[in-house]
C-alpha atoms as a PDB file:
ATOM      1  CA  MET A   1       6.288  39.640   4.248  1.00  0.00           C
ATOM      2  CA  LYS A   2       3.356  37.646   4.425  1.00  0.00           C
ATOM      3  CA  LYS A   3       3.075  33.598   1.858  1.00  0.00           C
ATOM      4  CA  GLY A   4       1.041  33.434  -0.928  1.00  0.00           C
ATOM      5  CA  GLY A   5      -1.841  31.151  -1.053  1.00  0.00           C
ATOM      6  CA  ALA A   6      -5.506  30.834   0.990  1.00  0.00           C
ATOM      7  CA  SER A   7      -5.973  32.947   4.341  1.00  0.00           C
ATOM      8  CA  SER A   8      -5.576  30.264   7.229  1.00  0.00           C
ATOM      9  CA  ALA A   9      -9.694  30.640   8.027  1.00  0.00           C
ATOM     10  CA  ALA A  10     -10.317  29.492   4.446  1.00  0.00           C
ATOM     11  CA  ALA A  11      -7.698  26.698   5.583  1.00  0.00           C
ATOM     12  CA  MET A  12      -9.173  25.426   8.019  1.00  0.00           C
ATOM     13  CA  THR A  13     -12.776  25.429   6.891  1.00  0.00           C
ATOM     14  CA  ALA A  14     -11.531  23.508   4.512  1.00  0.00           C
ATOM     15  CA  ALA A  15      -9.563  21.044   6.642  1.00  0.00           C
ATOM     16  CA  GLY A  16     -12.856  21.039   9.171  1.00  0.00           C
ATOM     17  CA  ASP A  17     -14.698  19.678   5.511  1.00  0.00           C
ATOM     18  CA  ALA A  18     -12.287  16.698   4.686  1.00  0.00           C
ATOM     19  CA  LYS A  19     -12.798  15.452   9.148  1.00  0.00           C
ATOM     20  CA  GLU A  20     -16.782  16.059   8.030  1.00  0.00           C
ATOM     21  CA  GLN A  21     -16.491  13.610   5.034  1.00  0.00           C
ATOM     22  CA  HIS A  22     -13.762  10.872   6.274  1.00  0.00           C
ATOM     23  CA  GLU A  23     -15.863  10.729   9.683  1.00  0.00           C
ATOM     24  CA  GLY A  24     -18.644   9.362   8.188  1.00  0.00           C
ATOM     25  CA  GLU A  25     -16.620   6.894   6.821  1.00  0.00           C
ATOM     26  CA  ALA A  26     -14.524   5.364   9.054  1.00  0.00           C
ATOM     27  CA  ARG A  27     -15.931   2.530  11.817  1.00  0.00           C
ATOM     28  CA  PRO A  28     -14.818   3.186  15.618  1.00  0.00           C
ATOM     29  CA  PRO A  29     -11.552   1.786  16.774  1.00  0.00           C
ATOM     30  CA  LYS A  30     -12.738  -0.475  18.887  1.00  0.00           C
ATOM     31  CA  GLN A  31     -14.349  -3.117  16.127  1.00  0.00           C
ATOM     32  CA  TYR A  32     -11.828  -4.612  14.822  1.00  0.00           C
ATOM     33  CA  THR A  33      -8.472  -2.923  16.966  1.00  0.00           C
ATOM     34  CA  ALA A  34      -7.642  -6.644  18.369  1.00  0.00           C
ATOM     35  CA  ALA A  35      -8.484  -9.150  15.771  1.00  0.00           C
ATOM     36  CA  HIS A  36      -7.611  -6.726  13.155  1.00  0.00           C
ATOM     37  CA  SER A  37      -4.501  -5.982  15.077  1.00  0.00           C
ATOM     38  CA  ALA A  38      -2.875  -9.814  15.303  1.00  0.00           C
ATOM     39  CA  CYS A  39      -3.567  -9.874  11.849  1.00  0.00           C
ATOM     40  CA  SER A  40      -1.985  -6.776  10.698  1.00  0.00           C
ATOM     41  CA  TRP A  41       1.048  -8.509  12.548  1.00  0.00           C
ATOM     42  CA  ALA A  42       1.411 -12.014  11.279  1.00  0.00           C
ATOM     43  CA  LEU A  43       0.781  -9.823   7.855  1.00  0.00           C
ATOM     44  CA  LEU A  44       4.230  -8.724   8.338  1.00  0.00           C
ATOM     45  CA  ALA A  45       5.950 -11.319  10.250  1.00  0.00           C
ATOM     46  CA  GLU A  46       5.205 -13.413   7.222  1.00  0.00           C
ATOM     47  CA  ALA A  47       6.545 -10.324   5.190  1.00  0.00           C
ATOM     48  CA  ARG A  48       9.113 -10.142   7.064  1.00  0.00           C
ATOM     49  CA  ARG A  49       9.820 -14.362   6.493  1.00  0.00           C
ATOM     50  CA  TYR A  50       9.123 -14.032   2.761  1.00  0.00           C
ATOM     51  CA  ASN A  51      11.929 -11.205   2.497  1.00  0.00           C
ATOM     52  CA  ALA A  52      14.411 -13.401   3.765  1.00  0.00           C
ATOM     53  CA  MET A  53      14.203 -16.107   1.381  1.00  0.00           C
ATOM     54  CA  GLU A  54      15.653 -17.215  -1.473  1.00  0.00           C
ATOM     55  CA  GLU A  55      14.016 -17.910  -4.595  1.00  0.00           C
ATOM     56  CA  GLU A  56      15.263 -21.484  -4.228  1.00  0.00           C
ATOM     57  CA  ASP A  57      13.973 -21.652  -0.644  1.00  0.00           C
ATOM     58  CA  VAL A  58      10.902 -20.945  -1.459  1.00  0.00           C
ATOM     59  CA  VAL A  59      10.589 -23.165  -4.448  1.00  0.00           C
ATOM     60  CA  ASP A  60      11.935 -25.975  -2.531  1.00  0.00           C
ATOM     61  CA  GLU A  61       8.919 -25.403  -0.191  1.00  0.00           C
ATOM     62  CA  TYR A  62       6.383 -26.123  -2.950  1.00  0.00           C
ATOM     63  CA  GLY A  63       8.839 -29.284  -4.011  1.00  0.00           C
ATOM     64  CA  ARG A  64       8.026 -30.405  -0.032  1.00  0.00           C
ATOM     65  CA  ALA A  65       4.832 -29.557  -0.257  1.00  0.00           C
ATOM     66  CA  GLY A  66       4.514 -31.306  -3.786  1.00  0.00           C
ATOM     67  CA  LYS A  67       3.042 -28.139  -5.210  1.00  0.00           C
ATOM     68  CA  LEU A  68       5.644 -26.923  -7.172  1.00  0.00           C
ATOM     69  CA  HIS A  69       3.733 -27.646 -10.668  1.00  0.00           C
ATOM     70  CA  THR A  70       1.695 -24.649  -8.857  1.00  0.00           C
ATOM     71  CA  TYR A  71       3.947 -21.749  -7.916  1.00  0.00           C
ATOM     72  CA  ASP A  72       4.274 -18.117  -9.290  1.00  0.00           C
ATOM     73  CA  GLN A  73       6.589 -16.045  -8.585  1.00  0.00           C
ATOM     74  CA  ASP A  74       3.608 -13.281  -9.904  1.00  0.00           C
ATOM     75  CA  LYS A  75       1.544 -14.248  -7.068  1.00  0.00           C
ATOM     76  CA  GLU A  76       3.111 -15.704  -4.445  1.00  0.00           C
ATOM     77  CA  TRP A  77       2.738 -12.791  -2.557  1.00  0.00           C
ATOM     78  CA  LYS A  78      -0.980 -13.150  -3.248  1.00  0.00           C
ATOM     79  CA  LYS A  79      -1.259 -15.840  -1.944  1.00  0.00           C
ATOM     80  CA  ARG A  80       0.803 -15.919   1.374  1.00  0.00           C
ATOM     81  CA  PHE A  81      -1.408 -13.068   1.697  1.00  0.00           C
ATOM     82  CA  ALA A  82      -4.427 -14.990   1.367  1.00  0.00           C
ATOM     83  CA  ARG A  83      -2.809 -17.707   3.660  1.00  0.00           C
ATOM     84  CA  VAL A  84      -2.466 -14.909   6.523  1.00  0.00           C
ATOM     85  CA  VAL A  85      -6.080 -13.830   6.249  1.00  0.00           C
ATOM     86  CA  LYS A  86      -7.879 -16.878   6.236  1.00  0.00           C
ATOM     87  CA  LEU A  87      -5.625 -18.132   9.348  1.00  0.00           C
ATOM     88  CA  ASN A  88      -6.877 -14.986  11.029  1.00  0.00           C
ATOM     89  CA  PRO A  89      -9.736 -13.913  10.368  1.00  0.00           C
ATOM     90  CA  CYS A  90     -10.713 -10.090  11.287  1.00  0.00           C
ATOM     91  CA  PRO A  91     -12.922  -6.804   9.308  1.00  0.00           C
ATOM     92  CA  TRP A  92     -11.116  -4.868   6.596  1.00  0.00           C
ATOM     93  CA  PRO A  93     -11.958  -1.849   5.613  1.00  0.00           C
ATOM     94  CA  ASN A  94     -13.939  -1.332   2.631  1.00  0.00           C
ATOM     95  CA  HIS A  95     -11.302  -0.489   0.482  1.00  0.00           C
ATOM     96  CA  MET A  96      -9.515  -3.772   0.881  1.00  0.00           C
ATOM     97  CA  VAL A  97     -12.559  -6.419   0.589  1.00  0.00           C
ATOM     98  CA  ALA A  98     -11.932  -6.565  -3.374  1.00  0.00           C
ATOM     99  CA  ARG A  99      -7.729  -6.964  -3.085  1.00  0.00           C
ATOM    100  CA  ILE A 100      -8.541  -9.399  -0.435  1.00  0.00           C
ATOM    101  CA  GLU A 101     -11.225 -12.214  -2.629  1.00  0.00           C
ATOM    102  CA  GLU A 102      -8.931 -11.379  -5.178  1.00  0.00           C
ATOM    103  CA  TYR A 103      -5.851 -13.204  -3.469  1.00  0.00           C
ATOM    104  CA  MET A 104      -8.383 -15.720  -2.027  1.00  0.00           C
ATOM    105  CA  TYR A 105      -8.909 -16.528  -5.952  1.00  0.00           C
ATOM    106  CA  CYS A 106      -5.488 -17.075  -6.671  1.00  0.00           C
ATOM    107  CA  LEU A 107      -4.934 -19.393  -3.718  1.00  0.00           C
ATOM    108  CA  GLU A 108      -8.405 -20.893  -4.372  1.00  0.00           C
ATOM    109  CA  GLU A 109      -7.312 -21.419  -8.137  1.00  0.00           C
ATOM    110  CA  ASP A 110      -4.607 -23.475  -7.173  1.00  0.00           C
ATOM    111  CA  ASP A 111      -5.678 -25.836  -4.817  1.00  0.00           C
ATOM    112  CA  ASP A 112      -8.633 -26.414  -7.139  1.00  0.00           C
ATOM    113  CA  GLU A 113      -5.986 -26.989 -10.080  1.00  0.00           C
ATOM    114  CA  PHE A 114      -4.044 -28.831  -7.741  1.00  0.00           C
ATOM    115  CA  ARG A 115      -7.921 -31.383  -6.206  1.00  0.00           C
ATOM    116  CA  ILE A 116      -7.966 -32.049 -10.689  1.00  0.00           C
ATOM    117  CA  GLY A 117      -4.811 -32.987 -11.134  1.00  0.00           C
ATOM    118  CA  LEU A 118      -4.742 -35.721  -7.644  1.00  0.00           C
ATOM    119  CA  PHE A 119      -8.327 -36.829  -8.397  1.00  0.00           C
ATOM    120  CA  SER A 120      -7.344 -38.933 -11.340  1.00  0.00           C
ATOM    121  CA  LEU A 121      -5.280 -40.674  -8.718  1.00  0.00           C
ATOM    122  CA  ILE A 122      -7.659 -42.530  -6.792  1.00  0.00           C
ATOM    123  CA  GLY A 123      -9.499 -45.180  -7.551  1.00  0.00           C
ATOM    124  CA  GLU A 124     -12.644 -45.917  -8.259  1.00  0.00           C
ATOM    125  CA  GLU A 125     -13.543 -47.415  -5.525  1.00  0.00           C
ATOM    126  CA  ILE A 126     -13.027 -44.530  -3.385  1.00  0.00           C
ATOM    127  CA  ARG A 127     -14.730 -41.725  -6.114  1.00  0.00           C
ATOM    128  CA  GLY A 128     -17.835 -44.143  -5.279  1.00  0.00           C
END
């Protein structure tokens, strides 16, 4: 007894169409393999390190850095992702660029707030 559904010829044609559509969007792997691989491994290592941490450890880490007021548990993974991407730059697929920019914005936003907080502590002679 035959299974219902499309014939094998029609299925092969549809698969070929999907492959042709995808090939136009993909970039050759040789352009980004080494840099992207290094960044991916660094992201994986940081994710494992963060997952192994207790919240108290993260709070202690921020406290030692003097940035406890910037700690936000909901944004923490985005900021960690952005830090790794800053240290290991590589070309990203188009569908990831907007997300990475969002993560960078979260990181820069906290850095800017921290600078504003310290600005009041700088003496008049240094401000110029």
